[in-house]
């Protein structure tokens, strides 16, 4: 059965809408994958362990912390910077404190600057993208284990990098179901 002019136009329009919707749906996961593979946009890599090859060359790693608007926590790096040899495992800590009288859940996002170093900054263990819940008055130190991949010295742009900045931003998120139920119960008991 052949489509007539108006039917053909409707079918093509529906096809374009479906195609565009599919592309929009896939854009975020594809972009995330692309950034992780290439280090684009300061996205770091993830590794199970540091390489055995440790170079004599060092790089300074600076640590930065910020909070999204409305996030009630205090959040800061324990140490502002450290010098590590390329390939050597580094361990840094960030501190978070909940000064409020209620539990607060948070989640961190991160990036690395300069962008050319993003693909070579490898995290072994990190608190980022994991839900963190702090009780009222609770203070925690969260570790980040990392290394700078020795392949960085072969990259035409990254080989001139002497300082790398690792930045985290904490955002408030909804409390997990169990905590939300306890908070609702506490509110009911106080009224």
Protein backbone atom coordinates (compact mmCIF):
# COMPACT_ATOMS: atom_id res chain seq x y z
CA UNK A 1 0.00 0.00 0.00
CA UNK A 2 1.49 3.29 -1.11
CA UNK A 3 1.14 6.37 1.08
CA UNK A 4 -0.50 9.46 -0.30
CA UNK A 5 1.09 12.94 -0.05
CA UNK A 6 -0.41 13.94 3.37
CA UNK A 7 0.09 10.43 4.83
CA UNK A 8 3.70 10.40 3.67
CA UNK A 9 4.32 13.81 5.28
CA UNK A 10 2.78 12.66 8.59
CA UNK A 11 4.82 9.43 8.54
CA UNK A 12 8.04 11.36 7.86
CA UNK A 13 7.25 13.88 10.63
CA UNK A 14 6.54 11.09 13.13
CA UNK A 15 9.78 9.38 12.07
CA UNK A 16 11.79 12.57 12.63
CA UNK A 17 10.17 13.10 16.07
CA UNK A 18 10.96 9.50 17.11
CA UNK A 19 14.54 9.80 15.83
CA UNK A 20 15.11 13.11 17.63
CA UNK A 21 13.59 11.75 20.86
CA UNK A 22 15.84 8.69 20.68
CA UNK A 23 18.90 10.85 20.11
CA UNK A 24 17.99 13.11 23.04
CA UNK A 25 17.48 10.07 25.30
CA UNK A 26 20.89 8.62 24.33
CA UNK A 27 22.80 11.92 24.44
CA UNK A 28 23.51 12.01 28.20
CA UNK A 29 24.81 8.43 28.56
CA UNK A 30 26.79 8.76 25.32
CA UNK A 31 28.35 12.06 26.42
CA UNK A 32 29.21 10.59 29.85
CA UNK A 33 30.86 7.58 28.17
CA UNK A 34 32.73 9.85 25.73
CA UNK A 35 34.07 12.05 28.57
CA UNK A 36 35.20 9.04 30.61
CA UNK A 37 36.99 7.47 27.66
CA UNK A 38 38.69 10.63 26.39
CA UNK A 39 39.02 12.73 29.56
CA UNK A 40 37.13 15.50 27.74
CA UNK A 41 35.74 18.21 30.00
CA UNK A 42 38.09 17.30 32.85
CA UNK A 43 36.53 13.90 33.44
CA UNK A 44 38.96 11.61 35.22
CA UNK A 45 39.63 7.97 34.54
CA UNK A 46 39.00 5.12 36.97
CA UNK A 47 41.57 2.40 37.65
CA UNK A 48 41.81 -0.64 39.91
CA UNK A 49 45.42 0.09 40.89
CA UNK A 50 48.34 2.36 40.09
CA UNK A 51 50.87 1.36 37.45
CA UNK A 52 54.19 -0.16 38.47
CA UNK A 53 56.08 2.49 36.50
CA UNK A 54 56.70 5.53 38.72
CA UNK A 55 58.55 8.42 37.11
CA UNK A 56 60.99 10.83 38.76
CA UNK A 57 58.94 13.75 37.45
CA UNK A 58 56.45 15.22 39.93
CA UNK A 59 53.19 17.07 39.57
CA UNK A 60 51.39 19.22 42.13
CA UNK A 61 47.78 18.20 42.75
CA UNK A 62 45.54 20.91 44.19
CA UNK A 63 42.25 20.10 45.89
CA UNK A 64 39.19 22.33 45.60
CA UNK A 65 35.79 22.03 47.27
CA UNK A 66 32.51 23.86 46.70
CA UNK A 67 28.82 23.44 47.46
CA UNK A 68 25.77 23.94 45.33
CA UNK A 69 23.46 26.77 46.32
CA UNK A 70 21.36 25.76 49.32
CA UNK A 71 23.65 22.92 50.47
CA UNK A 72 23.89 23.34 54.25
CA UNK A 73 27.03 21.25 54.78
CA UNK A 74 30.49 22.61 55.36
CA UNK A 75 32.82 20.98 52.84
CA UNK A 76 36.57 21.41 52.35
CA UNK A 77 39.76 19.54 51.46
CA UNK A 78 41.82 18.49 54.48
CA UNK A 79 45.01 19.30 52.57
CA UNK A 80 45.01 22.03 49.88
CA UNK A 81 47.73 20.46 47.70
CA UNK A 82 50.32 17.72 47.52
CA UNK A 83 53.18 16.83 45.26
CA UNK A 84 53.22 13.31 43.84
CA UNK A 85 55.49 11.54 41.41
CA UNK A 86 53.79 10.60 38.16
CA UNK A 87 52.56 7.01 38.54
CA UNK A 88 52.69 7.13 42.35
CA UNK A 89 49.49 6.54 44.35
CA UNK A 90 48.30 9.60 46.25
CA UNK A 91 45.75 9.69 49.06
CA UNK A 92 43.83 12.85 49.91
CA UNK A 93 40.88 13.53 52.20
CA UNK A 94 37.91 15.87 52.03
CA UNK A 95 35.92 16.78 55.13
CA UNK A 96 32.17 17.28 55.29
CA UNK A 97 30.21 18.53 58.30
CA UNK A 98 26.46 18.80 58.82
CA UNK A 99 25.88 21.77 61.18
CA UNK A 100 22.08 21.47 61.02
CA UNK A 101 19.58 19.65 63.26
CA UNK A 102 18.41 17.31 60.51
CA UNK A 103 20.00 14.53 58.43
CA UNK A 104 21.10 15.69 54.98
CA UNK A 105 21.97 13.57 51.97
CA UNK A 106 24.51 14.78 49.46
CA UNK A 107 26.23 13.69 46.30
CA UNK A 108 29.41 15.04 44.73
CA UNK A 109 30.38 15.70 41.16
CA UNK A 110 33.95 16.37 40.12
CA UNK A 111 36.23 17.61 37.38
CA UNK A 112 39.92 18.07 36.72
CA UNK A 113 41.72 21.10 35.33
CA UNK A 114 43.43 21.59 33.01
CA UNK A 115 41.26 19.51 30.69
CA UNK A 116 44.31 18.07 28.94
CA UNK A 117 45.21 16.23 32.17
CA UNK A 118 41.69 14.85 32.80
CA UNK A 119 42.23 11.56 30.99
CA UNK A 120 45.50 10.94 32.83
CA UNK A 121 44.22 11.63 36.34
CA UNK A 122 43.08 8.18 37.47
CA UNK A 123 40.98 7.60 40.59
CA UNK A 124 41.33 4.26 42.36
CA UNK A 125 38.77 4.98 45.11
CA UNK A 126 36.51 8.00 45.54
CA UNK A 127 33.38 9.20 47.34
CA UNK A 128 32.04 10.93 44.23
CA UNK A 129 28.71 9.87 42.79
CA UNK A 130 27.97 7.90 45.95
CA UNK A 131 25.16 9.03 48.18
CA UNK A 132 26.44 10.42 51.49
CA UNK A 133 24.11 10.93 54.46
CA UNK A 134 25.29 12.99 57.42
CA UNK A 135 23.38 13.07 60.67
CA UNK A 136 22.98 16.36 62.60
CA UNK A 137 26.40 17.45 63.86
CA UNK A 138 28.20 14.60 62.05
CA UNK A 139 31.66 15.24 60.59
CA UNK A 140 33.34 12.77 58.22
CA UNK A 141 36.54 12.54 56.24
CA UNK A 142 36.17 11.03 52.79
CA UNK A 143 39.23 9.58 50.99
CA UNK A 144 40.28 9.92 47.37
CA UNK A 145 42.98 7.55 46.15
CA UNK A 146 44.51 8.49 42.79
CA UNK A 147 47.53 8.55 40.49
CA UNK A 148 48.63 10.45 37.41
CA UNK A 149 49.14 8.06 34.50
CA UNK A 150 52.76 8.06 33.23
CA UNK A 151 51.43 8.18 29.66
CA UNK A 152 50.73 11.87 30.31
CA UNK A 153 54.38 12.71 29.57
CA UNK A 154 53.91 11.42 25.99
CA UNK A 155 50.84 13.61 25.26
CA UNK A 156 51.65 16.70 23.20
CA UNK A 157 49.47 18.99 25.36
CA UNK A 158 49.46 17.28 28.75
CA UNK A 159 53.21 16.73 29.04
CA UNK A 160 53.66 20.40 29.97
CA UNK A 161 51.18 20.20 32.88
CA UNK A 162 52.86 20.74 36.25
CA UNK A 163 49.76 21.42 38.36
CA UNK A 164 46.44 19.55 38.31
CA UNK A 165 43.36 20.72 40.22
CA UNK A 166 40.80 18.18 41.41
CA UNK A 167 37.48 19.91 42.19
CA UNK A 168 34.42 18.49 43.92
CA UNK A 169 31.01 20.11 44.28
CA UNK A 170 28.48 18.68 46.74
CA UNK A 171 24.75 18.87 45.98
CA UNK A 172 21.90 18.15 48.36
CA UNK A 173 19.76 15.22 47.25
CA UNK A 174 16.64 13.57 48.63
CA UNK A 175 17.16 11.41 51.69
CA UNK A 176 16.99 7.66 51.06
CA UNK A 177 13.64 6.06 51.82
CA UNK A 178 14.60 4.79 55.31
CA UNK A 179 15.93 8.19 56.42
CA UNK A 180 12.96 10.05 54.94
CA UNK A 181 10.58 7.83 56.93
CA UNK A 182 12.53 8.51 60.17
CA UNK A 183 12.48 12.27 59.50
CA UNK A 184 8.70 12.18 58.87
CA UNK A 185 8.20 10.14 62.07
CA UNK A 186 10.32 12.63 64.07
CA UNK A 187 8.29 15.54 62.68
CA UNK A 188 5.05 13.77 63.69
CA UNK A 189 6.34 13.09 67.23
CA UNK A 190 7.31 16.72 67.79
CA UNK A 191 3.89 18.07 66.78
